[in-house]
C-alpha atoms as a PDB file:
ATOM      1  CA  MET A   1    -140.272 -62.807 -36.995  1.00  0.00           C
ATOM      2  CA  ARG A   2    -139.107 -64.373 -40.238  1.00  0.00           C
ATOM      3  CA  ILE A   3    -135.386 -64.816 -40.828  1.00  0.00           C
ATOM      4  CA  VAL A   4    -133.991 -65.988 -44.152  1.00  0.00           C
ATOM      5  CA  GLU A   5    -130.395 -67.073 -44.555  1.00  0.00           C
ATOM      6  CA  THR A   6    -128.567 -67.731 -47.863  1.00  0.00           C
ATOM      7  CA  ALA A   7    -130.073 -70.766 -49.606  1.00  0.00           C
ATOM      8  CA  GLY A   8    -132.188 -71.582 -46.600  1.00  0.00           C
ATOM      9  CA  ALA A   9    -135.896 -71.828 -46.043  1.00  0.00           C
ATOM     10  CA  PRO A  10    -137.238 -69.119 -43.727  1.00  0.00           C
ATOM     11  CA  THR A  11    -137.084 -69.757 -39.968  1.00  0.00           C
ATOM     12  CA  TYR A  12    -139.776 -68.233 -37.795  1.00  0.00           C
ATOM     13  CA  TYR A  13    -139.238 -66.935 -34.265  1.00  0.00           C
ATOM     14  CA  PHE A  14    -141.982 -66.238 -31.772  1.00  0.00           C
ATOM     15  CA  PRO A  15    -141.928 -64.014 -28.668  1.00  0.00           C
ATOM     16  CA  SER A  16    -141.711 -66.154 -25.524  1.00  0.00           C
ATOM     17  CA  ASP A  17    -144.898 -64.463 -24.295  1.00  0.00           C
ATOM     18  CA  ASP A  18    -146.707 -66.185 -27.198  1.00  0.00           C
ATOM     19  CA  VAL A  19    -145.348 -69.656 -26.356  1.00  0.00           C
ATOM     20  CA  ASP A  20    -146.657 -72.053 -23.742  1.00  0.00           C
ATOM     21  CA  LEU A  21    -143.378 -72.312 -21.794  1.00  0.00           C
ATOM     22  CA  ALA A  22    -144.862 -74.962 -19.463  1.00  0.00           C
ATOM     23  CA  ARG A  23    -144.544 -77.383 -22.380  1.00  0.00           C
ATOM     24  CA  LEU A  24    -140.759 -76.741 -22.737  1.00  0.00           C
ATOM     25  CA  ALA A  25    -137.889 -78.279 -20.820  1.00  0.00           C
ATOM     26  CA  ILE A  26    -134.249 -77.189 -21.268  1.00  0.00           C
ATOM     27  CA  ALA A  27    -132.486 -79.853 -23.335  1.00  0.00           C
ATOM     28  CA  SER A  28    -128.894 -80.920 -23.009  1.00  0.00           C
ATOM     29  CA  GLY A  29    -128.062 -79.990 -26.607  1.00  0.00           C
ATOM     30  CA  HIS A  30    -126.921 -76.680 -27.896  1.00  0.00           C
ATOM     31  CA  SER A  31    -125.734 -75.202 -31.208  1.00  0.00           C
ATOM     32  CA  PHE A  32    -123.852 -72.226 -32.514  1.00  0.00           C
ATOM     33  CA  CYS A  33    -124.735 -70.018 -35.507  1.00  0.00           C
ATOM     34  CA  GLU A  34    -121.948 -67.964 -36.946  1.00  0.00           C
ATOM     35  CA  TRP A  35    -124.418 -65.092 -37.511  1.00  0.00           C
ATOM     36  CA  LYS A  36    -126.654 -65.276 -34.436  1.00  0.00           C
ATOM     37  CA  GLY A  37    -124.487 -66.847 -31.682  1.00  0.00           C
ATOM     38  CA  ALA A  38    -125.079 -69.641 -29.174  1.00  0.00           C
ATOM     39  CA  ALA A  39    -128.519 -71.302 -29.065  1.00  0.00           C
ATOM     40  CA  ARG A  40    -130.227 -73.005 -26.146  1.00  0.00           C
ATOM     41  CA  HIS A  41    -132.317 -76.029 -27.096  1.00  0.00           C
ATOM     42  CA  PHE A  42    -135.591 -77.210 -25.575  1.00  0.00           C
ATOM     43  CA  ASP A  43    -137.631 -80.395 -25.503  1.00  0.00           C
ATOM     44  CA  VAL A  44    -141.296 -79.814 -26.353  1.00  0.00           C
ATOM     45  CA  ASP A  45    -143.482 -82.274 -24.505  1.00  0.00           C
ATOM     46  CA  ASP A  46    -141.941 -85.577 -25.641  1.00  0.00           C
ATOM     47  CA  ALA A  47    -140.176 -84.147 -28.692  1.00  0.00           C
ATOM     48  CA  THR A  48    -136.386 -84.004 -28.108  1.00  0.00           C
ATOM     49  CA  GLU A  49    -134.762 -80.666 -28.936  1.00  0.00           C
ATOM     50  CA  ALA A  50    -137.743 -79.478 -30.963  1.00  0.00           C
ATOM     51  CA  ALA A  51    -137.266 -75.780 -30.105  1.00  0.00           C
ATOM     52  CA  TRP A  52    -134.460 -73.339 -29.590  1.00  0.00           C
ATOM     53  CA  CYS A  53    -133.745 -69.718 -28.761  1.00  0.00           C
ATOM     54  CA  TYR A  54    -130.816 -67.321 -28.626  1.00  0.00           C
ATOM     55  CA  PRO A  55    -130.660 -66.002 -25.066  1.00  0.00           C
ATOM     56  CA  ASP A  56    -127.762 -63.647 -25.927  1.00  0.00           C
ATOM     57  CA  PRO A  57    -127.511 -63.251 -29.677  1.00  0.00           C
ATOM     58  CA  PHE A  58    -124.963 -61.172 -31.484  1.00  0.00           C
ATOM     59  CA  PRO A  59    -125.996 -57.477 -31.672  1.00  0.00           C
ATOM     60  CA  GLU A  60    -127.229 -57.784 -35.270  1.00  0.00           C
ATOM     61  CA  PHE A  61    -129.864 -60.267 -34.098  1.00  0.00           C
ATOM     62  CA  ALA A  62    -130.810 -58.627 -30.806  1.00  0.00           C
ATOM     63  CA  ALA A  63    -134.427 -58.482 -31.996  1.00  0.00           C
ATOM     64  CA  ILE A  64    -134.806 -62.243 -31.494  1.00  0.00           C
ATOM     65  CA  ARG A  65    -133.268 -62.363 -27.998  1.00  0.00           C
ATOM     66  CA  GLY A  66    -135.218 -65.051 -26.103  1.00  0.00           C
ATOM     67  CA  TRP A  67    -137.674 -65.650 -28.965  1.00  0.00           C
ATOM     68  CA  MET A  68    -138.479 -69.307 -29.720  1.00  0.00           C
ATOM     69  CA  SER A  69    -138.286 -71.284 -32.935  1.00  0.00           C
ATOM     70  CA  PHE A  70    -139.451 -74.814 -33.666  1.00  0.00           C
ATOM     71  CA  LEU A  71    -138.291 -77.637 -35.926  1.00  0.00           C
ATOM     72  CA  PRO A  72    -141.194 -78.673 -38.184  1.00  0.00           C
ATOM     73  CA  SER A  73    -139.826 -82.211 -38.177  1.00  0.00           C
ATOM     74  CA  ARG A  74    -140.194 -82.577 -34.418  1.00  0.00           C
ATOM     75  CA  VAL A  75    -143.546 -80.993 -33.635  1.00  0.00           C
ATOM     76  CA  ASP A  76    -147.071 -81.930 -34.754  1.00  0.00           C
ATOM     77  CA  ALA A  77    -147.373 -79.107 -37.272  1.00  0.00           C
ATOM     78  CA  CYS A  78    -146.077 -75.655 -38.183  1.00  0.00           C
ATOM     79  CA  TRP A  79    -148.275 -73.279 -40.170  1.00  0.00           C
ATOM     80  CA  ILE A  80    -147.751 -70.016 -42.021  1.00  0.00           C
ATOM     81  CA  GLY A  81    -151.290 -68.739 -42.486  1.00  0.00           C
ATOM     82  CA  GLU A  82    -153.111 -71.551 -44.301  1.00  0.00           C
ATOM     83  CA  ALA A  83    -149.935 -73.272 -45.497  1.00  0.00           C
ATOM     84  CA  ARG A  84    -148.549 -76.198 -43.541  1.00  0.00           C
ATOM     85  CA  ALA A  85    -144.743 -76.070 -43.393  1.00  0.00           C
ATOM     86  CA  THR A  86    -142.515 -79.044 -44.002  1.00  0.00           C
ATOM     87  CA  PRO A  87    -138.959 -79.336 -42.664  1.00  0.00           C
ATOM     88  CA  GLN A  88    -136.026 -77.961 -44.584  1.00  0.00           C
ATOM     89  CA  PRO A  89    -134.193 -80.981 -46.125  1.00  0.00           C
ATOM     90  CA  GLY A  90    -131.387 -82.716 -44.320  1.00  0.00           C
ATOM     91  CA  GLY A  91    -132.602 -82.531 -40.736  1.00  0.00           C
ATOM     92  CA  TYR A  92    -130.028 -79.965 -39.547  1.00  0.00           C
ATOM     93  CA  TYR A  93    -131.494 -76.591 -40.479  1.00  0.00           C
ATOM     94  CA  GLY A  94    -134.684 -75.170 -38.910  1.00  0.00           C
ATOM     95  CA  GLY A  95    -136.212 -73.733 -42.059  1.00  0.00           C
ATOM     96  CA  TRP A  96    -139.941 -74.000 -42.784  1.00  0.00           C
ATOM     97  CA  VAL A  97    -140.671 -74.996 -46.375  1.00  0.00           C
ATOM     98  CA  THR A  98    -144.075 -73.911 -47.724  1.00  0.00           C
ATOM     99  CA  PRO A  99    -145.691 -74.129 -51.129  1.00  0.00           C
ATOM    100  CA  GLY A 100    -144.442 -71.396 -53.443  1.00  0.00           C
ATOM    101  CA  LEU A 101    -141.021 -71.149 -51.876  1.00  0.00           C
ATOM    102  CA  SER A 102    -138.542 -70.845 -54.748  1.00  0.00           C
ATOM    103  CA  GLY A 103    -134.822 -71.124 -55.131  1.00  0.00           C
ATOM    104  CA  PRO A 104    -132.338 -73.763 -53.969  1.00  0.00           C
ATOM    105  CA  ILE A 105    -132.618 -74.836 -50.393  1.00  0.00           C
ATOM    106  CA  LYS A 106    -129.480 -76.214 -48.649  1.00  0.00           C
ATOM    107  CA  GLY A 107    -129.619 -79.258 -46.471  1.00  0.00           C
ATOM    108  CA  GLY A 108    -130.390 -81.982 -49.081  1.00  0.00           C
ATOM    109  CA  ALA A 109    -127.987 -84.346 -50.742  1.00  0.00           C
ATOM    110  CA  GLY A 110    -125.311 -82.480 -52.736  1.00  0.00           C
ATOM    111  CA  SER A 111    -125.642 -79.157 -50.852  1.00  0.00           C
ATOM    112  CA  GLU A 112    -123.004 -79.823 -48.182  1.00  0.00           C
ATOM    113  CA  SER A 113    -120.496 -77.447 -49.846  1.00  0.00           C
ATOM    114  CA  TRP A 114    -122.819 -74.492 -50.349  1.00  0.00           C
END
């Protein structure tokens, strides 16, 4: 499932049935999204907090309950079809930047106030 937030690169979520959960370990970190709710973070193999999910999202995002997303900067590669994704600038957001993506993308220098 593809989710796009204002001035953000799309973030992709995958059903947990499509993820090799044996490669994940619950991480100590967590985060909170004002739109989706509290996220649980996971280490992927040796990559610290490389994945996350929303175990109990706000009702508007119930469709991604338990679905997993991955930070392109912390895993070997993320692909959308034939396009390899790069991380959204800044290291905080989980967006997947691919060729052809247009518009401003928050996260880089100067976008802190967006």
